[in-house]
Amino acid sequence: MAPPDSTALVVVDVQRAFEDAGYWGRRNNPACEANVAALIAAWRDAGEPVVFVRHDSDGTESPLRPGHPGNAFRPEVSGEPDLLVTKQVNSAFHGEPDLAGWLRGRGLERIAICGITTNHCCETTARVGANVGFDVLFVLDATHTFDREGPDGTVMTADELARATATSLHGEFAQVVATADLV
C-alpha cells in the first residue's frame, strides 16, 4: 500500500540524544526507528512530501542543544527533506519555518506523524495540527517514549504512556494507525 495521496509525512525529533538511556530512562518500541525509515522510504517512493522536525533546545545542559552531537538526526532520518522545521517547544507547528503555512501553500490537508517522543512532541504536534484544521494520521508504532514519574511518585511505563496517547488522540485529534497501514 502506498502512502495516502497528498499527505505530508512529519518526522518529529528522531535525534541522537534520545539514544542515551542514562539520560532519558527506559524506552519502549525498539522497532520505532526501523518503522520511521520505512515510512520515509515509502513517502519518497510515492513522491509525497517529507518534513523533518528537529528540536533545538535552548537549555544549556540539554543533549538536544545545537552544536551537541545529540542534536543530529539518527541515521534512519537521511536524505534531504522537503522542509526542515526547527523548534524549541513541543509542537512542530510552533517552529520555523511555519509548518501550517508551508502545508497550506502546497494544498496539503493531511499529515502523518511519527517520531520521538510519543506523548510529548508527537502528541502535541498531532493535537495542534488537528486544532489548526489538518487531518492527522498518528503512526503509533513509528513513535517511542520513556517511562515517566508522575507528581505522586508513581511511574507510568513507556507502553502505558503510548497507550494513553493513542486513546486520547484517536477519534478526537487523529486517526491512530500502524506503519503497515501506510507502507
C-alpha atoms as a PDB file:
ATOM      1  CA  MET A   1       0.000   0.000   0.000  1.00  0.00           C
ATOM      2  CA  ALA A   2       1.325   3.443  -0.870  1.00  0.00           C
ATOM      3  CA  PRO A   3       1.108   6.431   1.448  1.00  0.00           C
ATOM      4  CA  PRO A   4      -2.191   8.294   1.200  1.00  0.00           C
ATOM      5  CA  ASP A   5      -2.168  10.815  -1.650  1.00  0.00           C
ATOM      6  CA  SER A   6      -1.421  14.390  -0.719  1.00  0.00           C
ATOM      7  CA  THR A   7      -0.239  13.535   2.770  1.00  0.00           C
ATOM      8  CA  ALA A   8       2.924  15.010   4.242  1.00  0.00           C
ATOM      9  CA  LEU A   9       5.000  12.771   6.479  1.00  0.00           C
ATOM     10  CA  VAL A  10       6.112  14.737   9.540  1.00  0.00           C
ATOM     11  CA  VAL A  11       9.131  13.080  11.206  1.00  0.00           C
ATOM     12  CA  VAL A  12       9.462  14.578  14.683  1.00  0.00           C
ATOM     13  CA  ASP A  13      12.738  14.770  16.635  1.00  0.00           C
ATOM     14  CA  VAL A  14      14.361  11.474  15.609  1.00  0.00           C
ATOM     15  CA  GLN A  15      17.636  12.704  17.069  1.00  0.00           C
ATOM     16  CA  ARG A  16      20.719  11.015  18.532  1.00  0.00           C
ATOM     17  CA  ALA A  17      20.185  12.468  22.015  1.00  0.00           C
ATOM     18  CA  PHE A  18      17.321  10.038  22.555  1.00  0.00           C
ATOM     19  CA  GLU A  19      19.759   7.101  22.330  1.00  0.00           C
ATOM     20  CA  ASP A  20      21.048   7.944  25.835  1.00  0.00           C
ATOM     21  CA  ALA A  21      19.164   5.656  28.225  1.00  0.00           C
ATOM     22  CA  GLY A  22      21.206   7.046  31.117  1.00  0.00           C
ATOM     23  CA  TYR A  23      19.678  10.461  30.497  1.00  0.00           C
ATOM     24  CA  TRP A  24      16.127   9.548  29.446  1.00  0.00           C
ATOM     25  CA  GLY A  25      15.484   6.169  31.109  1.00  0.00           C
ATOM     26  CA  ARG A  26      13.801   3.035  29.776  1.00  0.00           C
ATOM     27  CA  ARG A  27      12.078   3.332  26.434  1.00  0.00           C
ATOM     28  CA  ASN A  28       9.512   1.282  24.574  1.00  0.00           C
ATOM     29  CA  ASN A  29       9.094   0.199  20.957  1.00  0.00           C
ATOM     30  CA  PRO A  30      12.534  -0.853  19.724  1.00  0.00           C
ATOM     31  CA  ALA A  31      11.051  -1.015  16.179  1.00  0.00           C
ATOM     32  CA  CYS A  32      10.363   2.736  16.095  1.00  0.00           C
ATOM     33  CA  GLU A  33      13.375   3.806  14.068  1.00  0.00           C
ATOM     34  CA  ALA A  34      13.002   0.985  11.512  1.00  0.00           C
ATOM     35  CA  ASN A  35       9.347   1.956  11.081  1.00  0.00           C
ATOM     36  CA  VAL A  36      10.301   5.624  10.651  1.00  0.00           C
ATOM     37  CA  ALA A  37      12.829   4.611   7.976  1.00  0.00           C
ATOM     38  CA  ALA A  38      10.172   2.500   6.190  1.00  0.00           C
ATOM     39  CA  LEU A  39       7.761   5.445   6.208  1.00  0.00           C
ATOM     40  CA  ILE A  40      10.380   7.837   4.823  1.00  0.00           C
ATOM     41  CA  ALA A  41      11.234   5.363   2.051  1.00  0.00           C
ATOM     42  CA  ALA A  42       7.555   4.804   1.175  1.00  0.00           C
ATOM     43  CA  TRP A  43       6.841   8.547   1.060  1.00  0.00           C
ATOM     44  CA  ARG A  44       9.855   9.210  -1.133  1.00  0.00           C
ATOM     45  CA  ASP A  45       8.966   6.323  -3.457  1.00  0.00           C
ATOM     46  CA  ALA A  46       5.450   7.751  -3.805  1.00  0.00           C
ATOM     47  CA  GLY A  47       6.744  11.280  -4.409  1.00  0.00           C
ATOM     48  CA  GLU A  48       4.909  12.603  -1.344  1.00  0.00           C
ATOM     49  CA  PRO A  49       6.389  15.371   0.830  1.00  0.00           C
ATOM     50  CA  VAL A  50       8.615  14.584   3.808  1.00  0.00           C
ATOM     51  CA  VAL A  51       9.121  17.070   6.644  1.00  0.00           C
ATOM     52  CA  PHE A  52      11.892  16.647   9.218  1.00  0.00           C
ATOM     53  CA  VAL A  53      11.466  18.359  12.570  1.00  0.00           C
ATOM     54  CA  ARG A  54      14.455  18.959  14.838  1.00  0.00           C
ATOM     55  CA  HIS A  55      14.302  20.062  18.452  1.00  0.00           C
ATOM     56  CA  ASP A  56      16.962  22.750  19.002  1.00  0.00           C
ATOM     57  CA  SER A  57      16.883  23.076  22.776  1.00  0.00           C
ATOM     58  CA  ASP A  58      17.969  26.323  24.354  1.00  0.00           C
ATOM     59  CA  GLY A  59      18.759  24.522  27.627  1.00  0.00           C
ATOM     60  CA  THR A  60      22.470  24.721  28.395  1.00  0.00           C
ATOM     61  CA  GLU A  61      22.566  21.132  29.715  1.00  0.00           C
ATOM     62  CA  SER A  62      20.224  19.605  27.137  1.00  0.00           C
ATOM     63  CA  PRO A  63      21.646  16.919  24.853  1.00  0.00           C
ATOM     64  CA  LEU A  64      19.305  18.359  22.169  1.00  0.00           C
ATOM     65  CA  ARG A  65      21.033  21.755  22.036  1.00  0.00           C
ATOM     66  CA  PRO A  66      22.568  22.863  18.720  1.00  0.00           C
ATOM     67  CA  GLY A  67      26.265  22.046  18.450  1.00  0.00           C
ATOM     68  CA  HIS A  68      25.898  18.977  20.675  1.00  0.00           C
ATOM     69  CA  PRO A  69      26.194  15.536  18.980  1.00  0.00           C
ATOM     70  CA  GLY A  70      22.725  14.632  20.293  1.00  0.00           C
ATOM     71  CA  ASN A  71      21.145  17.376  18.189  1.00  0.00           C
ATOM     72  CA  ALA A  72      21.903  15.428  14.986  1.00  0.00           C
ATOM     73  CA  PHE A  73      19.326  13.216  13.329  1.00  0.00           C
ATOM     74  CA  ARG A  74      19.661   9.455  13.699  1.00  0.00           C
ATOM     75  CA  PRO A  75      20.928   7.615  10.594  1.00  0.00           C
ATOM     76  CA  GLU A  76      17.390   6.430   9.747  1.00  0.00           C
ATOM     77  CA  VAL A  77      16.482  10.049   9.013  1.00  0.00           C
ATOM     78  CA  SER A  78      18.570  10.525   5.917  1.00  0.00           C
ATOM     79  CA  GLY A  79      18.489  12.499   2.721  1.00  0.00           C
ATOM     80  CA  GLU A  80      17.086  15.956   2.234  1.00  0.00           C
ATOM     81  CA  PRO A  81      13.585  16.686   3.475  1.00  0.00           C
ATOM     82  CA  ASP A  82      11.143  18.788   1.507  1.00  0.00           C
ATOM     83  CA  LEU A  83      11.083  21.002   4.599  1.00  0.00           C
ATOM     84  CA  LEU A  84      13.180  21.205   7.773  1.00  0.00           C
ATOM     85  CA  VAL A  85      11.382  22.701  10.777  1.00  0.00           C
ATOM     86  CA  THR A  86      13.375  23.640  13.863  1.00  0.00           C
ATOM     87  CA  LYS A  87      11.657  24.214  17.189  1.00  0.00           C
ATOM     88  CA  GLN A  88      12.286  24.852  20.860  1.00  0.00           C
ATOM     89  CA  VAL A  89       8.855  23.760  22.101  1.00  0.00           C
ATOM     90  CA  ASN A  90       6.739  20.609  21.839  1.00  0.00           C
ATOM     91  CA  SER A  91       4.779  21.270  18.645  1.00  0.00           C
ATOM     92  CA  ALA A  92       6.236  21.293  15.142  1.00  0.00           C
ATOM     93  CA  PHE A  93       3.530  23.852  14.381  1.00  0.00           C
ATOM     94  CA  HIS A  94       5.349  26.318  16.655  1.00  0.00           C
ATOM     95  CA  GLY A  95       8.693  26.060  14.878  1.00  0.00           C
ATOM     96  CA  GLU A  96      10.434  27.784  11.994  1.00  0.00           C
ATOM     97  CA  PRO A  97       9.536  27.978   9.218  1.00  0.00           C
ATOM     98  CA  ASP A  98       5.761  27.936   9.623  1.00  0.00           C
ATOM     99  CA  LEU A  99       4.663  24.334   9.050  1.00  0.00           C
ATOM    100  CA  ALA A 100       0.948  25.104   8.635  1.00  0.00           C
ATOM    101  CA  GLY A 101       1.687  27.827   6.072  1.00  0.00           C
ATOM    102  CA  TRP A 102       4.023  25.540   4.146  1.00  0.00           C
ATOM    103  CA  LEU A 103       1.456  22.717   4.061  1.00  0.00           C
ATOM    104  CA  ARG A 104      -1.393  25.003   3.025  1.00  0.00           C
ATOM    105  CA  GLY A 105       0.782  26.634   0.369  1.00  0.00           C
ATOM    106  CA  ARG A 106       1.070  23.199  -1.242  1.00  0.00           C
ATOM    107  CA  GLY A 107      -2.615  22.342  -0.870  1.00  0.00           C
ATOM    108  CA  LEU A 108      -1.892  19.643   1.723  1.00  0.00           C
ATOM    109  CA  GLU A 109      -4.656  18.935   4.220  1.00  0.00           C
ATOM    110  CA  ARG A 110      -3.391  15.695   5.783  1.00  0.00           C
ATOM    111  CA  ILE A 111      -0.280  14.816   7.755  1.00  0.00           C
ATOM    112  CA  ALA A 112       1.118  11.546   9.092  1.00  0.00           C
ATOM    113  CA  ILE A 113       3.152  11.954  12.286  1.00  0.00           C
ATOM    114  CA  CYS A 114       5.953   9.715  13.523  1.00  0.00           C
ATOM    115  CA  GLY A 115       8.989  10.218  15.739  1.00  0.00           C
ATOM    116  CA  ILE A 116      10.051  10.871  19.311  1.00  0.00           C
ATOM    117  CA  THR A 117       8.535  11.116  21.871  1.00  0.00           C
ATOM    118  CA  THR A 118       5.076   9.646  21.585  1.00  0.00           C
ATOM    119  CA  ASN A 119       3.492  11.590  24.436  1.00  0.00           C
ATOM    120  CA  HIS A 120       5.332  14.884  24.089  1.00  0.00           C
ATOM    121  CA  CYS A 121       6.337  16.346  20.736  1.00  0.00           C
ATOM    122  CA  CYS A 122       4.466  13.818  18.570  1.00  0.00           C
ATOM    123  CA  GLU A 123       1.243  14.056  20.555  1.00  0.00           C
ATOM    124  CA  THR A 124       1.450  17.856  20.820  1.00  0.00           C
ATOM    125  CA  THR A 125       2.079  18.171  17.087  1.00  0.00           C
ATOM    126  CA  ALA A 126      -0.964  15.967  16.424  1.00  0.00           C
ATOM    127  CA  ARG A 127      -3.205  17.984  18.735  1.00  0.00           C
ATOM    128  CA  VAL A 128      -2.126  21.353  17.352  1.00  0.00           C
ATOM    129  CA  GLY A 129      -2.289  20.051  13.780  1.00  0.00           C
ATOM    130  CA  ALA A 130      -5.884  18.951  14.288  1.00  0.00           C
ATOM    131  CA  ASN A 131      -6.745  22.206  16.033  1.00  0.00           C
ATOM    132  CA  VAL A 132      -5.493  24.259  13.074  1.00  0.00           C
ATOM    133  CA  GLY A 133      -7.501  22.175  10.620  1.00  0.00           C
ATOM    134  CA  PHE A 134      -5.364  19.290   9.368  1.00  0.00           C
ATOM    135  CA  ASP A 135      -6.462  15.665   9.063  1.00  0.00           C
ATOM    136  CA  VAL A 136      -3.928  13.799  11.216  1.00  0.00           C
ATOM    137  CA  LEU A 137      -2.688  10.227  10.977  1.00  0.00           C
ATOM    138  CA  PHE A 138      -0.693   9.245  14.077  1.00  0.00           C
ATOM    139  CA  VAL A 139       1.641   6.321  13.309  1.00  0.00           C
ATOM    140  CA  LEU A 140       1.877   4.903  16.820  1.00  0.00           C
ATOM    141  CA  ASP A 141       4.349   2.094  16.084  1.00  0.00           C
ATOM    142  CA  ALA A 142       6.709   4.633  14.498  1.00  0.00           C
ATOM    143  CA  THR A 143       6.986   6.533  17.792  1.00  0.00           C
ATOM    144  CA  HIS A 144       8.571   5.754  21.127  1.00  0.00           C
ATOM    145  CA  THR A 145       8.709   7.258  24.574  1.00  0.00           C
ATOM    146  CA  PHE A 146      10.232   6.718  28.005  1.00  0.00           C
ATOM    147  CA  ASP A 147       8.987   5.690  31.439  1.00  0.00           C
ATOM    148  CA  ARG A 148       7.967   8.762  33.442  1.00  0.00           C
ATOM    149  CA  GLU A 149       7.415   9.505  37.092  1.00  0.00           C
ATOM    150  CA  GLY A 150       4.223  11.379  37.908  1.00  0.00           C
ATOM    151  CA  PRO A 151       3.766  14.063  40.554  1.00  0.00           C
ATOM    152  CA  ASP A 152       2.660  11.394  43.042  1.00  0.00           C
ATOM    153  CA  GLY A 153       5.877   9.410  42.550  1.00  0.00           C
ATOM    154  CA  THR A 154       4.190   6.623  40.581  1.00  0.00           C
ATOM    155  CA  VAL A 155       5.984   5.595  37.410  1.00  0.00           C
ATOM    156  CA  MET A 156       3.991   5.101  34.235  1.00  0.00           C
ATOM    157  CA  THR A 157       5.751   2.811  31.804  1.00  0.00           C
ATOM    158  CA  ALA A 158       6.504   3.939  28.287  1.00  0.00           C
ATOM    159  CA  ASP A 159       3.965   1.413  26.993  1.00  0.00           C
ATOM    160  CA  GLU A 160       1.282   2.821  29.309  1.00  0.00           C
ATOM    161  CA  LEU A 161       2.062   6.359  28.168  1.00  0.00           C
ATOM    162  CA  ALA A 162       1.890   5.311  24.499  1.00  0.00           C
ATOM    163  CA  ARG A 163      -1.456   3.599  25.091  1.00  0.00           C
ATOM    164  CA  ALA A 164      -2.775   6.699  26.882  1.00  0.00           C
ATOM    165  CA  THR A 165      -1.641   8.909  24.000  1.00  0.00           C
ATOM    166  CA  ALA A 166      -3.309   6.652  21.424  1.00  0.00           C
ATOM    167  CA  THR A 167      -6.512   6.584  23.465  1.00  0.00           C
ATOM    168  CA  SER A 168      -6.561  10.364  23.906  1.00  0.00           C
ATOM    169  CA  LEU A 169      -5.839  11.143  20.260  1.00  0.00           C
ATOM    170  CA  HIS A 170      -7.868   8.541  18.361  1.00  0.00           C
ATOM    171  CA  GLY A 171     -11.183   9.805  17.091  1.00  0.00           C
ATOM    172  CA  GLU A 172     -10.668  13.232  18.618  1.00  0.00           C
ATOM    173  CA  PHE A 173      -7.434  14.663  17.201  1.00  0.00           C
ATOM    174  CA  ALA A 174      -6.162  11.918  14.910  1.00  0.00           C
ATOM    175  CA  GLN A 175      -6.659   8.520  13.418  1.00  0.00           C
ATOM    176  CA  VAL A 176      -4.162   6.200  15.105  1.00  0.00           C
ATOM    177  CA  VAL A 177      -2.605   3.879  12.520  1.00  0.00           C
ATOM    178  CA  ALA A 178       0.316   1.462  12.162  1.00  0.00           C
ATOM    179  CA  THR A 179       3.236   1.601   9.763  1.00  0.00           C
ATOM    180  CA  ALA A 180       1.851  -1.462   7.941  1.00  0.00           C
ATOM    181  CA  ASP A 181      -1.330   0.517   7.211  1.00  0.00           C
ATOM    182  CA  LEU A 182       0.693   3.034   5.210  1.00  0.00           C
ATOM    183  CA  VAL A 183       3.540   1.084   3.548  1.00  0.00           C
END
